[in-house]
Amino acid sequence: MQLYRVLTGPDDSSFCHRVSEALSKGWQLYGDPSYAHDPVAGTMRVAQAVVKTVQGAKYSSDMKLGEQ
């Protein structure tokens, strides 16, 4: 089974650490990152999709994807 999730956050080192943590848990980058300006906060936001293949698991909408 292949899982998909999108990580989002401010364009700073905390976001890079979230992506690095996901990669260390076996997730793989899926596509290019996306950037957008948040006019309310006055900052840039970034998003990165990641995927992971999990053997022997059955998908459920109750799954905590970040814990896979």
N, C-alpha and C. Protein backbone atom coordinates (compact mmCIF):
# COMPACT_ATOMS: atom_id res chain seq x y z
N MET A 1 0.85 -1.16 0.00
CA MET A 1 0.00 0.00 0.00
C MET A 1 0.90 1.23 0.00
N GLN A 2 0.50 2.23 -0.77
CA GLN A 2 1.26 3.47 -0.79
C GLN A 2 0.48 4.56 -0.08
N LEU A 3 1.16 5.25 0.82
CA LEU A 3 0.56 6.34 1.57
C LEU A 3 1.03 7.67 1.00
N TYR A 4 0.20 8.70 1.13
CA TYR A 4 0.49 10.03 0.61
C TYR A 4 0.15 11.04 1.68
N ARG A 5 1.01 12.02 1.84
CA ARG A 5 0.70 13.14 2.73
C ARG A 5 1.40 14.39 2.25
N VAL A 6 0.91 15.54 2.68
CA VAL A 6 1.50 16.82 2.32
C VAL A 6 1.92 17.52 3.61
N LEU A 7 3.19 17.86 3.66
CA LEU A 7 3.72 18.61 4.79
C LEU A 7 3.66 20.09 4.44
N THR A 8 3.21 20.92 5.37
CA THR A 8 3.13 22.36 5.13
C THR A 8 3.70 23.11 6.33
N GLY A 9 4.12 24.33 6.10
CA GLY A 9 4.61 25.13 7.20
C GLY A 9 5.29 26.38 6.71
N PRO A 10 5.82 27.16 7.65
CA PRO A 10 6.55 28.37 7.26
C PRO A 10 7.85 27.97 6.56
N ASP A 11 8.33 28.82 5.68
CA ASP A 11 9.57 28.55 4.96
C ASP A 11 10.75 28.87 5.86
N ASP A 12 11.02 27.96 6.79
CA ASP A 12 12.14 28.14 7.71
C ASP A 12 12.74 26.78 8.07
N SER A 13 13.69 26.77 8.97
CA SER A 13 14.38 25.52 9.30
C SER A 13 13.45 24.49 9.95
N SER A 14 12.38 24.94 10.63
CA SER A 14 11.47 23.96 11.26
C SER A 14 10.80 23.11 10.19
N PHE A 15 10.46 23.72 9.06
CA PHE A 15 9.86 22.95 7.97
C PHE A 15 10.87 21.96 7.41
N CYS A 16 12.10 22.41 7.21
CA CYS A 16 13.15 21.52 6.70
C CYS A 16 13.35 20.33 7.64
N HIS A 17 13.28 20.56 8.94
CA HIS A 17 13.41 19.47 9.91
C HIS A 17 12.24 18.49 9.80
N ARG A 18 11.03 18.99 9.56
CA ARG A 18 9.87 18.10 9.39
C ARG A 18 10.04 17.21 8.17
N VAL A 19 10.49 17.79 7.07
CA VAL A 19 10.72 17.00 5.86
C VAL A 19 11.85 16.00 6.10
N SER A 20 12.92 16.44 6.73
CA SER A 20 14.05 15.53 7.01
C SER A 20 13.62 14.38 7.91
N GLU A 21 12.78 14.65 8.89
CA GLU A 21 12.27 13.59 9.76
C GLU A 21 11.45 12.58 8.96
N ALA A 22 10.59 13.07 8.08
CA ALA A 22 9.78 12.17 7.25
C ALA A 22 10.69 11.31 6.37
N LEU A 23 11.71 11.90 5.77
CA LEU A 23 12.65 11.14 4.94
C LEU A 23 13.37 10.08 5.76
N SER A 24 13.73 10.41 7.00
CA SER A 24 14.43 9.44 7.85
C SER A 24 13.53 8.27 8.25
N LYS A 25 12.20 8.45 8.14
CA LYS A 25 11.24 7.39 8.45
C LYS A 25 10.81 6.62 7.21
N GLY A 26 11.49 6.86 6.08
CA GLY A 26 11.20 6.09 4.88
C GLY A 26 10.28 6.76 3.88
N TRP A 27 9.79 7.95 4.17
CA TRP A 27 8.97 8.68 3.20
C TRP A 27 9.88 9.17 2.09
N GLN A 28 9.33 9.35 0.88
CA GLN A 28 10.08 9.84 -0.26
C GLN A 28 9.40 11.08 -0.81
N LEU A 29 10.21 12.02 -1.29
CA LEU A 29 9.66 13.23 -1.88
C LEU A 29 8.80 12.87 -3.09
N TYR A 30 7.71 13.59 -3.26
CA TYR A 30 6.82 13.37 -4.39
C TYR A 30 6.57 14.73 -5.04
N GLY A 31 7.22 14.96 -6.15
CA GLY A 31 7.07 16.24 -6.84
C GLY A 31 7.91 17.34 -6.22
N ASP A 32 7.74 18.52 -6.77
CA ASP A 32 8.48 19.69 -6.31
C ASP A 32 7.75 20.37 -5.16
N PRO A 33 8.49 21.10 -4.31
CA PRO A 33 7.81 21.88 -3.26
C PRO A 33 7.03 23.03 -3.89
N SER A 34 6.05 23.50 -3.17
CA SER A 34 5.25 24.66 -3.59
C SER A 34 5.42 25.77 -2.56
N TYR A 35 5.47 27.00 -3.05
CA TYR A 35 5.62 28.16 -2.18
C TYR A 35 4.46 29.11 -2.41
N ALA A 36 4.05 29.77 -1.35
CA ALA A 36 3.00 30.78 -1.47
C ALA A 36 3.21 31.83 -0.39
N HIS A 37 2.85 33.06 -0.69
CA HIS A 37 2.95 34.14 0.29
C HIS A 37 1.67 34.18 1.11
N ASP A 38 1.83 34.22 2.42
CA ASP A 38 0.70 34.36 3.34
C ASP A 38 0.57 35.85 3.65
N PRO A 39 -0.38 36.54 3.03
CA PRO A 39 -0.47 37.99 3.23
C PRO A 39 -0.87 38.39 4.65
N VAL A 40 -1.58 37.54 5.35
CA VAL A 40 -2.00 37.86 6.72
C VAL A 40 -0.79 37.86 7.65
N ALA A 41 0.04 36.80 7.54
CA ALA A 41 1.22 36.70 8.39
C ALA A 41 2.42 37.45 7.81
N GLY A 42 2.36 37.76 6.51
CA GLY A 42 3.47 38.43 5.87
C GLY A 42 4.69 37.55 5.69
N THR A 43 4.46 36.23 5.56
CA THR A 43 5.57 35.27 5.43
C THR A 43 5.31 34.35 4.25
N MET A 44 6.36 33.63 3.89
CA MET A 44 6.23 32.60 2.85
C MET A 44 5.86 31.29 3.51
N ARG A 45 5.01 30.52 2.84
CA ARG A 45 4.61 29.18 3.29
C ARG A 45 5.09 28.20 2.24
N VAL A 46 5.40 26.98 2.68
CA VAL A 46 5.90 25.96 1.76
C VAL A 46 5.13 24.67 1.99
N ALA A 47 5.02 23.86 0.94
CA ALA A 47 4.36 22.55 1.02
C ALA A 47 5.19 21.55 0.23
N GLN A 48 5.29 20.33 0.76
CA GLN A 48 6.00 19.26 0.07
C GLN A 48 5.21 17.97 0.24
N ALA A 49 4.87 17.34 -0.87
CA ALA A 49 4.19 16.05 -0.83
C ALA A 49 5.24 14.95 -0.64
N VAL A 50 4.87 13.92 0.13
CA VAL A 50 5.73 12.76 0.35
C VAL A 50 4.88 11.50 0.24
N VAL A 51 5.51 10.40 -0.15
CA VAL A 51 4.84 9.11 -0.26
C VAL A 51 5.68 8.05 0.44
N LYS A 52 5.01 6.98 0.83
CA LYS A 52 5.69 5.86 1.50
C LYS A 52 4.95 4.57 1.19
N THR A 53 5.69 3.54 0.83
CA THR A 53 5.10 2.23 0.62
C THR A 53 5.19 1.44 1.92
N VAL A 54 4.05 0.91 2.36
CA VAL A 54 3.97 0.15 3.61
C VAL A 54 3.48 -1.25 3.26
N GLN A 55 4.26 -2.25 3.60
CA GLN A 55 3.89 -3.64 3.32
C GLN A 55 2.98 -4.17 4.42
N GLY A 56 1.99 -4.94 4.03
CA GLY A 56 1.14 -5.65 4.99
C GLY A 56 0.15 -4.79 5.74
N ALA A 57 0.04 -3.53 5.41
CA ALA A 57 -0.91 -2.66 6.11
C ALA A 57 -2.16 -2.50 5.26
N LYS A 58 -3.26 -2.22 5.92
CA LYS A 58 -4.51 -1.96 5.22
C LYS A 58 -4.90 -0.52 5.52
N TYR A 59 -5.24 0.23 4.47
CA TYR A 59 -5.57 1.64 4.65
C TYR A 59 -6.84 1.82 5.45
N SER A 60 -6.80 2.81 6.32
CA SER A 60 -7.97 3.25 7.08
C SER A 60 -7.87 4.77 7.23
N SER A 61 -8.97 5.45 7.14
CA SER A 61 -8.95 6.91 7.30
C SER A 61 -8.61 7.32 8.74
N ASP A 62 -8.57 6.35 9.65
CA ASP A 62 -8.18 6.63 11.03
C ASP A 62 -6.66 6.58 11.23
N MET A 63 -5.92 6.18 10.19
CA MET A 63 -4.46 6.07 10.31
C MET A 63 -3.84 7.42 10.62
N LYS A 64 -2.86 7.41 11.47
CA LYS A 64 -2.04 8.59 11.74
C LYS A 64 -0.86 8.50 10.78
N LEU A 65 -0.95 9.19 9.64
CA LEU A 65 0.06 9.04 8.59
C LEU A 65 1.46 9.39 9.07
N GLY A 66 1.59 10.38 9.93
CA GLY A 66 2.90 10.77 10.43
C GLY A 66 3.54 9.72 11.31
N GLU A 67 2.77 8.76 11.78
CA GLU A 67 3.30 7.70 12.63
C GLU A 67 3.66 6.44 11.83
N GLN A 68 3.43 6.47 10.54
CA GLN A 68 3.71 5.30 9.71
C GLN A 68 5.18 5.25 9.33
